[in-house]
Amino acid sequence: MKIKEIFEVCSEANTPGIPFCDANGRISGRVTLKNILLKSCLPEFIVEMAMVLGDQLSHMQDMGSETRQLLDNPVDAYVQEPHISLTSDSPAIKALALMERYDTSYIFVVDEGRYLGVITIHSLANALLGFGKQA
């Protein structure tokens, strides 16, 4: 899988990351937009100097050609450890508690090793809005 595909899937699903599956279809890790962008576009010295940076950064001038090259790269170098997950039968309060416990804004929904989707802090907020409209 190429980075471009990860960006497309994450953008379409409005999620910051997706599971990475091995050849047998088992979840063996995760790929996140943040990790790809940090490793490929953001040198450590810029992160360290973030509070004093001006608005003119010459390092980022030629993003067009670098971006095309990045999008064609395989994702393998960006795979991280598997993310926390819960089953489709889990209550929303468990999702929220796990998000808080692991300091994340999303959790994968996995049943019997099969990825079904993702619950995000935004999807929980939208669900609560829906309940509020019913009252």
N, C-alpha and C. Protein backbone atom coordinates (compact mmCIF):
# COMPACT_ATOMS: atom_id res chain seq x y z
N MET A 1 0.85 -1.18 0.00
CA MET A 1 0.00 0.00 0.00
C MET A 1 0.90 1.24 0.00
N LYS A 2 0.48 2.23 -0.74
CA LYS A 2 1.25 3.47 -0.84
C LYS A 2 0.67 4.55 0.09
N ILE A 3 1.49 5.52 0.40
CA ILE A 3 1.07 6.59 1.30
C ILE A 3 -0.14 7.33 0.74
N LYS A 4 -0.18 7.51 -0.57
CA LYS A 4 -1.33 8.18 -1.18
C LYS A 4 -2.63 7.48 -0.81
N GLU A 5 -2.62 6.15 -0.81
CA GLU A 5 -3.82 5.39 -0.46
C GLU A 5 -4.22 5.60 1.00
N ILE A 6 -3.22 5.68 1.88
CA ILE A 6 -3.51 5.93 3.29
C ILE A 6 -4.17 7.30 3.44
N PHE A 7 -3.60 8.31 2.78
CA PHE A 7 -4.18 9.65 2.85
C PHE A 7 -5.61 9.65 2.33
N GLU A 8 -5.87 8.94 1.24
CA GLU A 8 -7.22 8.89 0.66
C GLU A 8 -8.21 8.20 1.61
N VAL A 9 -7.81 7.05 2.14
CA VAL A 9 -8.71 6.30 3.03
C VAL A 9 -9.00 7.10 4.30
N CYS A 10 -7.95 7.68 4.89
CA CYS A 10 -8.14 8.45 6.12
C CYS A 10 -8.99 9.70 5.86
N SER A 11 -8.76 10.36 4.75
CA SER A 11 -9.55 11.55 4.42
C SER A 11 -11.01 11.19 4.19
N GLU A 12 -11.24 10.11 3.47
CA GLU A 12 -12.61 9.68 3.18
C GLU A 12 -13.35 9.27 4.45
N ALA A 13 -12.65 8.58 5.36
CA ALA A 13 -13.26 8.11 6.60
C ALA A 13 -13.19 9.14 7.72
N ASN A 14 -12.53 10.25 7.46
CA ASN A 14 -12.36 11.30 8.46
C ASN A 14 -11.75 10.75 9.76
N THR A 15 -10.65 10.02 9.60
CA THR A 15 -9.97 9.41 10.73
C THR A 15 -8.47 9.65 10.62
N PRO A 16 -7.78 9.75 11.75
CA PRO A 16 -6.35 10.03 11.72
C PRO A 16 -5.47 8.82 11.44
N GLY A 17 -6.04 7.62 11.41
CA GLY A 17 -5.22 6.44 11.15
C GLY A 17 -6.07 5.24 10.83
N ILE A 18 -5.41 4.22 10.27
CA ILE A 18 -6.09 2.97 9.93
C ILE A 18 -5.20 1.80 10.32
N PRO A 19 -5.80 0.63 10.50
CA PRO A 19 -5.00 -0.55 10.81
C PRO A 19 -4.15 -0.96 9.61
N PHE A 20 -3.04 -1.60 9.91
CA PHE A 20 -2.18 -2.18 8.88
C PHE A 20 -2.28 -3.69 9.04
N CYS A 21 -2.62 -4.37 7.96
CA CYS A 21 -2.82 -5.82 8.02
C CYS A 21 -1.67 -6.56 7.35
N ASP A 22 -1.34 -7.74 7.91
CA ASP A 22 -0.30 -8.57 7.31
C ASP A 22 -0.87 -9.34 6.12
N ALA A 23 -0.07 -10.21 5.54
CA ALA A 23 -0.48 -10.96 4.35
C ALA A 23 -1.69 -11.85 4.61
N ASN A 24 -1.91 -12.23 5.88
CA ASN A 24 -3.04 -13.08 6.23
C ASN A 24 -4.29 -12.29 6.60
N GLY A 25 -4.21 -10.96 6.49
CA GLY A 25 -5.35 -10.11 6.80
C GLY A 25 -5.50 -9.79 8.27
N ARG A 26 -4.53 -10.21 9.11
CA ARG A 26 -4.58 -9.90 10.53
C ARG A 26 -3.98 -8.53 10.78
N ILE A 27 -4.56 -7.81 11.72
CA ILE A 27 -4.04 -6.49 12.06
C ILE A 27 -2.69 -6.66 12.76
N SER A 28 -1.66 -6.08 12.15
CA SER A 28 -0.32 -6.21 12.71
C SER A 28 0.27 -4.86 13.12
N GLY A 29 -0.47 -3.80 12.89
CA GLY A 29 0.00 -2.47 13.24
C GLY A 29 -1.01 -1.42 12.83
N ARG A 30 -0.54 -0.19 12.77
CA ARG A 30 -1.40 0.91 12.34
C ARG A 30 -0.55 1.91 11.58
N VAL A 31 -1.21 2.68 10.75
CA VAL A 31 -0.56 3.75 10.01
C VAL A 31 -1.36 5.01 10.28
N THR A 32 -0.67 6.07 10.74
CA THR A 32 -1.37 7.31 11.07
C THR A 32 -0.86 8.46 10.21
N LEU A 33 -1.74 9.39 9.94
CA LEU A 33 -1.36 10.58 9.19
C LEU A 33 -0.29 11.35 9.95
N LYS A 34 -0.46 11.47 11.25
CA LYS A 34 0.49 12.22 12.06
C LYS A 34 1.89 11.64 11.96
N ASN A 35 2.02 10.33 12.08
CA ASN A 35 3.32 9.70 12.01
C ASN A 35 3.97 9.89 10.64
N ILE A 36 3.20 9.74 9.58
CA ILE A 36 3.74 9.94 8.23
C ILE A 36 4.23 11.37 8.07
N LEU A 37 3.40 12.32 8.47
CA LEU A 37 3.79 13.73 8.31
C LEU A 37 4.97 14.10 9.18
N LEU A 38 5.01 13.61 10.41
CA LEU A 38 6.13 13.91 11.29
C LEU A 38 7.44 13.35 10.74
N LYS A 39 7.41 12.09 10.31
CA LYS A 39 8.64 11.45 9.84
C LYS A 39 9.10 11.97 8.48
N SER A 40 8.18 12.43 7.66
CA SER A 40 8.56 12.78 6.28
C SER A 40 8.64 14.28 6.02
N CYS A 41 7.94 15.08 6.78
CA CYS A 41 7.85 16.51 6.45
C CYS A 41 8.36 17.45 7.53
N LEU A 42 8.61 16.95 8.70
CA LEU A 42 8.89 17.84 9.82
C LEU A 42 10.20 17.49 10.51
N PRO A 43 11.25 18.18 10.17
CA PRO A 43 12.54 17.92 10.84
C PRO A 43 12.44 18.23 12.33
N GLU A 44 13.18 17.49 13.13
CA GLU A 44 13.14 17.63 14.59
C GLU A 44 13.47 19.06 15.03
N PHE A 45 14.42 19.71 14.35
CA PHE A 45 14.80 21.06 14.77
C PHE A 45 13.64 22.04 14.63
N ILE A 46 12.75 21.80 13.69
CA ILE A 46 11.59 22.69 13.53
C ILE A 46 10.61 22.47 14.69
N VAL A 47 10.43 21.24 15.10
CA VAL A 47 9.56 20.96 16.24
C VAL A 47 10.13 21.63 17.49
N GLU A 48 11.42 21.50 17.70
CA GLU A 48 12.05 22.10 18.88
C GLU A 48 11.94 23.62 18.89
N MET A 49 11.93 24.23 17.73
CA MET A 49 11.88 25.69 17.62
C MET A 49 10.48 26.22 17.30
N ALA A 50 9.46 25.39 17.41
CA ALA A 50 8.10 25.76 16.98
C ALA A 50 7.61 27.07 17.57
N MET A 51 7.92 27.35 18.80
CA MET A 51 7.40 28.55 19.46
C MET A 51 8.06 29.83 18.97
N VAL A 52 9.21 29.73 18.32
CA VAL A 52 9.90 30.95 17.88
C VAL A 52 10.00 31.06 16.37
N LEU A 53 9.36 30.15 15.65
CA LEU A 53 9.42 30.19 14.19
C LEU A 53 8.67 31.39 13.64
N GLY A 54 9.19 31.95 12.59
CA GLY A 54 8.49 33.01 11.88
C GLY A 54 7.53 32.40 10.86
N ASP A 55 7.00 33.22 10.00
CA ASP A 55 6.06 32.74 9.00
C ASP A 55 6.72 32.35 7.68
N GLN A 56 7.98 32.61 7.52
CA GLN A 56 8.71 32.29 6.29
C GLN A 56 9.67 31.14 6.56
N LEU A 57 9.33 29.96 6.08
CA LEU A 57 10.19 28.79 6.29
C LEU A 57 10.69 28.29 4.94
N SER A 58 11.95 28.51 4.66
CA SER A 58 12.51 28.12 3.36
C SER A 58 12.56 26.61 3.19
N HIS A 59 12.60 25.85 4.29
CA HIS A 59 12.66 24.39 4.20
C HIS A 59 11.44 23.83 3.46
N MET A 60 10.32 24.51 3.54
CA MET A 60 9.07 24.01 2.99
C MET A 60 8.75 24.58 1.60
N GLN A 61 9.67 25.25 0.99
CA GLN A 61 9.40 25.94 -0.27
C GLN A 61 9.00 24.99 -1.40
N ASP A 62 9.69 23.87 -1.56
CA ASP A 62 9.44 22.99 -2.69
C ASP A 62 8.60 21.78 -2.29
N MET A 63 7.44 22.04 -1.73
CA MET A 63 6.58 20.95 -1.26
C MET A 63 5.99 20.13 -2.40
N GLY A 64 5.81 20.73 -3.58
CA GLY A 64 5.19 20.02 -4.70
C GLY A 64 5.92 18.76 -5.09
N SER A 65 7.19 18.85 -5.41
CA SER A 65 7.93 17.67 -5.85
C SER A 65 8.15 16.70 -4.71
N GLU A 66 8.39 17.21 -3.51
CA GLU A 66 8.57 16.32 -2.35
C GLU A 66 7.28 15.57 -2.04
N THR A 67 6.16 16.23 -2.19
CA THR A 67 4.87 15.60 -1.91
C THR A 67 4.58 14.48 -2.89
N ARG A 68 4.82 14.72 -4.17
CA ARG A 68 4.59 13.67 -5.18
C ARG A 68 5.44 12.45 -4.88
N GLN A 69 6.67 12.68 -4.51
CA GLN A 69 7.57 11.57 -4.18
C GLN A 69 7.08 10.83 -2.94
N LEU A 70 6.68 11.58 -1.91
CA LEU A 70 6.19 10.97 -0.68
C LEU A 70 4.96 10.10 -0.95
N LEU A 71 4.01 10.60 -1.72
CA LEU A 71 2.77 9.88 -1.96
C LEU A 71 2.98 8.54 -2.66
N ASP A 72 4.05 8.43 -3.41
CA ASP A 72 4.35 7.19 -4.12
C ASP A 72 5.10 6.17 -3.27
N ASN A 73 5.55 6.56 -2.09
CA ASN A 73 6.30 5.64 -1.23
C ASN A 73 5.39 4.61 -0.59
N PRO A 74 5.91 3.40 -0.35
CA PRO A 74 5.13 2.41 0.40
C PRO A 74 5.02 2.82 1.87
N VAL A 75 3.99 2.34 2.55
CA VAL A 75 3.75 2.75 3.93
C VAL A 75 4.58 1.97 4.94
N ASP A 76 5.24 0.93 4.53
CA ASP A 76 5.92 0.02 5.45
C ASP A 76 6.80 0.73 6.49
N ALA A 77 7.51 1.76 6.09
CA ALA A 77 8.41 2.47 7.01
C ALA A 77 7.65 3.28 8.06
N TYR A 78 6.35 3.43 7.89
CA TYR A 78 5.55 4.26 8.79
C TYR A 78 4.61 3.46 9.68
N VAL A 79 4.68 2.14 9.60
CA VAL A 79 3.80 1.29 10.40
C VAL A 79 4.25 1.33 11.86
N GLN A 80 3.27 1.58 12.73
CA GLN A 80 3.51 1.62 14.17
C GLN A 80 2.88 0.39 14.83
N GLU A 81 3.06 0.28 16.13
CA GLU A 81 2.46 -0.82 16.88
C GLU A 81 0.93 -0.76 16.73
N PRO A 82 0.26 -1.90 16.92
CA PRO A 82 -1.21 -1.88 16.81
C PRO A 82 -1.83 -0.90 17.81
N HIS A 83 -2.96 -0.36 17.44
CA HIS A 83 -3.69 0.62 18.25
C HIS A 83 -4.70 -0.13 19.12
N ILE A 84 -5.18 0.53 20.15
CA ILE A 84 -6.21 -0.09 20.98
C ILE A 84 -7.48 -0.27 20.16
N SER A 85 -8.25 -1.27 20.55
CA SER A 85 -9.49 -1.53 19.83
C SER A 85 -10.55 -2.02 20.81
N LEU A 86 -11.76 -2.04 20.33
CA LEU A 86 -12.87 -2.62 21.06
C LEU A 86 -13.77 -3.32 20.06
N THR A 87 -14.74 -4.06 20.57
CA THR A 87 -15.63 -4.80 19.67
C THR A 87 -16.86 -3.95 19.34
N SER A 88 -17.60 -4.39 18.37
CA SER A 88 -18.80 -3.65 17.96
C SER A 88 -19.89 -3.69 19.02
N ASP A 89 -19.78 -4.60 19.98
CA ASP A 89 -20.76 -4.69 21.07
C ASP A 89 -20.41 -3.78 22.25
N SER A 90 -19.25 -3.16 22.23
CA SER A 90 -18.81 -2.33 23.36
C SER A 90 -19.65 -1.05 23.45
N PRO A 91 -19.95 -0.63 24.67
CA PRO A 91 -20.72 0.61 24.85
C PRO A 91 -19.87 1.84 24.56
N ALA A 92 -20.53 2.92 24.22
CA ALA A 92 -19.85 4.18 23.90
C ALA A 92 -19.02 4.68 25.07
N ILE A 93 -19.49 4.46 26.29
CA ILE A 93 -18.76 4.95 27.47
C ILE A 93 -17.40 4.25 27.57
N LYS A 94 -17.33 2.99 27.14
CA LYS A 94 -16.04 2.27 27.14
C LYS A 94 -15.10 2.90 26.12
N ALA A 95 -15.64 3.26 24.96
CA ALA A 95 -14.81 3.92 23.94
C ALA A 95 -14.24 5.22 24.49
N LEU A 96 -15.07 6.00 25.13
CA LEU A 96 -14.63 7.27 25.70
C LEU A 96 -13.59 7.05 26.81
N ALA A 97 -13.83 6.06 27.65
CA ALA A 97 -12.89 5.77 28.74
C ALA A 97 -11.53 5.31 28.18
N LEU A 98 -11.55 4.47 27.15
CA LEU A 98 -10.29 4.02 26.54
C LEU A 98 -9.56 5.17 25.86
N MET A 99 -10.30 6.06 25.21
CA MET A 99 -9.67 7.22 24.59
C MET A 99 -8.94 8.05 25.64
N GLU A 100 -9.59 8.26 26.77
CA GLU A 100 -8.97 9.04 27.84
C GLU A 100 -7.77 8.29 28.43
N ARG A 101 -7.93 7.01 28.68
CA ARG A 101 -6.86 6.20 29.29
C ARG A 101 -5.61 6.18 28.43
N TYR A 102 -5.78 6.09 27.11
CA TYR A 102 -4.65 5.98 26.19
C TYR A 102 -4.33 7.29 25.46
N ASP A 103 -4.96 8.38 25.90
CA ASP A 103 -4.70 9.71 25.34
C ASP A 103 -4.75 9.71 23.81
N THR A 104 -5.89 9.28 23.29
CA THR A 104 -6.09 9.23 21.85
C THR A 104 -7.47 9.78 21.53
N SER A 105 -7.69 10.08 20.28
CA SER A 105 -9.00 10.60 19.86
C SER A 105 -9.74 9.62 18.95
N TYR A 106 -9.22 8.40 18.86
CA TYR A 106 -9.89 7.39 18.04
C TYR A 106 -9.56 5.98 18.52
N ILE A 107 -10.46 5.05 18.24
CA ILE A 107 -10.28 3.64 18.59
C ILE A 107 -10.82 2.80 17.44
N PHE A 108 -10.08 1.76 17.08
CA PHE A 108 -10.53 0.85 16.03
C PHE A 108 -11.61 -0.08 16.58
N VAL A 109 -12.58 -0.39 15.73
CA VAL A 109 -13.61 -1.38 16.06
C VAL A 109 -13.23 -2.66 15.34
N VAL A 110 -12.98 -3.73 16.11
CA VAL A 110 -12.48 -4.98 15.55
C VAL A 110 -13.28 -6.14 16.15
N ASP A 111 -13.84 -6.98 15.30
CA ASP A 111 -14.53 -8.19 15.74
C ASP A 111 -13.81 -9.39 15.16
N GLU A 112 -13.37 -10.29 16.05
CA GLU A 112 -12.68 -11.52 15.64
C GLU A 112 -11.54 -11.24 14.66
N GLY A 113 -10.77 -10.21 14.95
CA GLY A 113 -9.61 -9.87 14.14
C GLY A 113 -9.92 -9.11 12.86
N ARG A 114 -11.20 -8.83 12.61
CA ARG A 114 -11.60 -8.13 11.39
C ARG A 114 -11.92 -6.67 11.70
N TYR A 115 -11.26 -5.77 11.00
CA TYR A 115 -11.48 -4.33 11.18
C TYR A 115 -12.84 -3.94 10.61
N LEU A 116 -13.66 -3.30 11.44
CA LEU A 116 -14.99 -2.87 11.01
C LEU A 116 -15.09 -1.37 10.81
N GLY A 117 -14.25 -0.61 11.51
CA GLY A 117 -14.32 0.84 11.40
C GLY A 117 -13.61 1.49 12.56
N VAL A 118 -13.94 2.74 12.77
CA VAL A 118 -13.27 3.52 13.80
C VAL A 118 -14.29 4.38 14.53
N ILE A 119 -14.08 4.53 15.82
CA ILE A 119 -14.88 5.47 16.61
C ILE A 119 -13.94 6.61 16.95
N THR A 120 -14.37 7.82 16.64
CA THR A 120 -13.56 9.00 16.95
C THR A 120 -14.26 9.85 17.99
N ILE A 121 -13.53 10.73 18.59
CA ILE A 121 -14.14 11.65 19.55
C ILE A 121 -15.21 12.48 18.87
N HIS A 122 -15.00 12.77 17.58
CA HIS A 122 -16.00 13.53 16.81
C HIS A 122 -17.26 12.71 16.58
N SER A 123 -17.12 11.41 16.30
CA SER A 123 -18.32 10.59 16.09
C SER A 123 -19.12 10.45 17.38
N LEU A 124 -18.42 10.38 18.53
CA LEU A 124 -19.14 10.34 19.80
C LEU A 124 -19.89 11.64 20.05
N ALA A 125 -19.24 12.77 19.76
CA ALA A 125 -19.89 14.08 19.93
C ALA A 125 -21.11 14.19 19.01
N ASN A 126 -20.98 13.71 17.77
CA ASN A 126 -22.12 13.75 16.85
C ASN A 126 -23.27 12.88 17.35
N ALA A 127 -22.94 11.73 17.92
CA ALA A 127 -23.99 10.86 18.47
C ALA A 127 -24.72 11.56 19.63
N LEU A 128 -23.97 12.24 20.48
CA LEU A 128 -24.60 12.96 21.58
C LEU A 128 -25.47 14.11 21.08
N LEU A 129 -25.03 14.77 20.02
CA LEU A 129 -25.87 15.81 19.41
C LEU A 129 -27.18 15.23 18.92
N GLY A 130 -27.11 14.04 18.35
CA GLY A 130 -28.32 13.37 17.87
C GLY A 130 -29.30 13.08 19.00
N PHE A 131 -28.76 12.63 20.15
CA PHE A 131 -29.62 12.39 21.31
C PHE A 131 -30.24 13.70 21.80
N GLY A 132 -29.47 14.78 21.74
CA GLY A 132 -29.97 16.08 22.18
C GLY A 132 -31.11 16.59 21.32
N LYS A 133 -31.10 16.27 20.05
CA LYS A 133 -32.16 16.70 19.14
C LYS A 133 -33.45 15.93 19.35
N GLN A 134 -33.32 14.71 19.89
CA GLN A 134 -34.51 13.88 20.15
C GLN A 134 -35.27 14.35 21.36
N ALA A 135 -34.60 15.04 22.27
CA ALA A 135 -35.25 15.45 23.52
C ALA A 135 -36.17 16.62 23.34
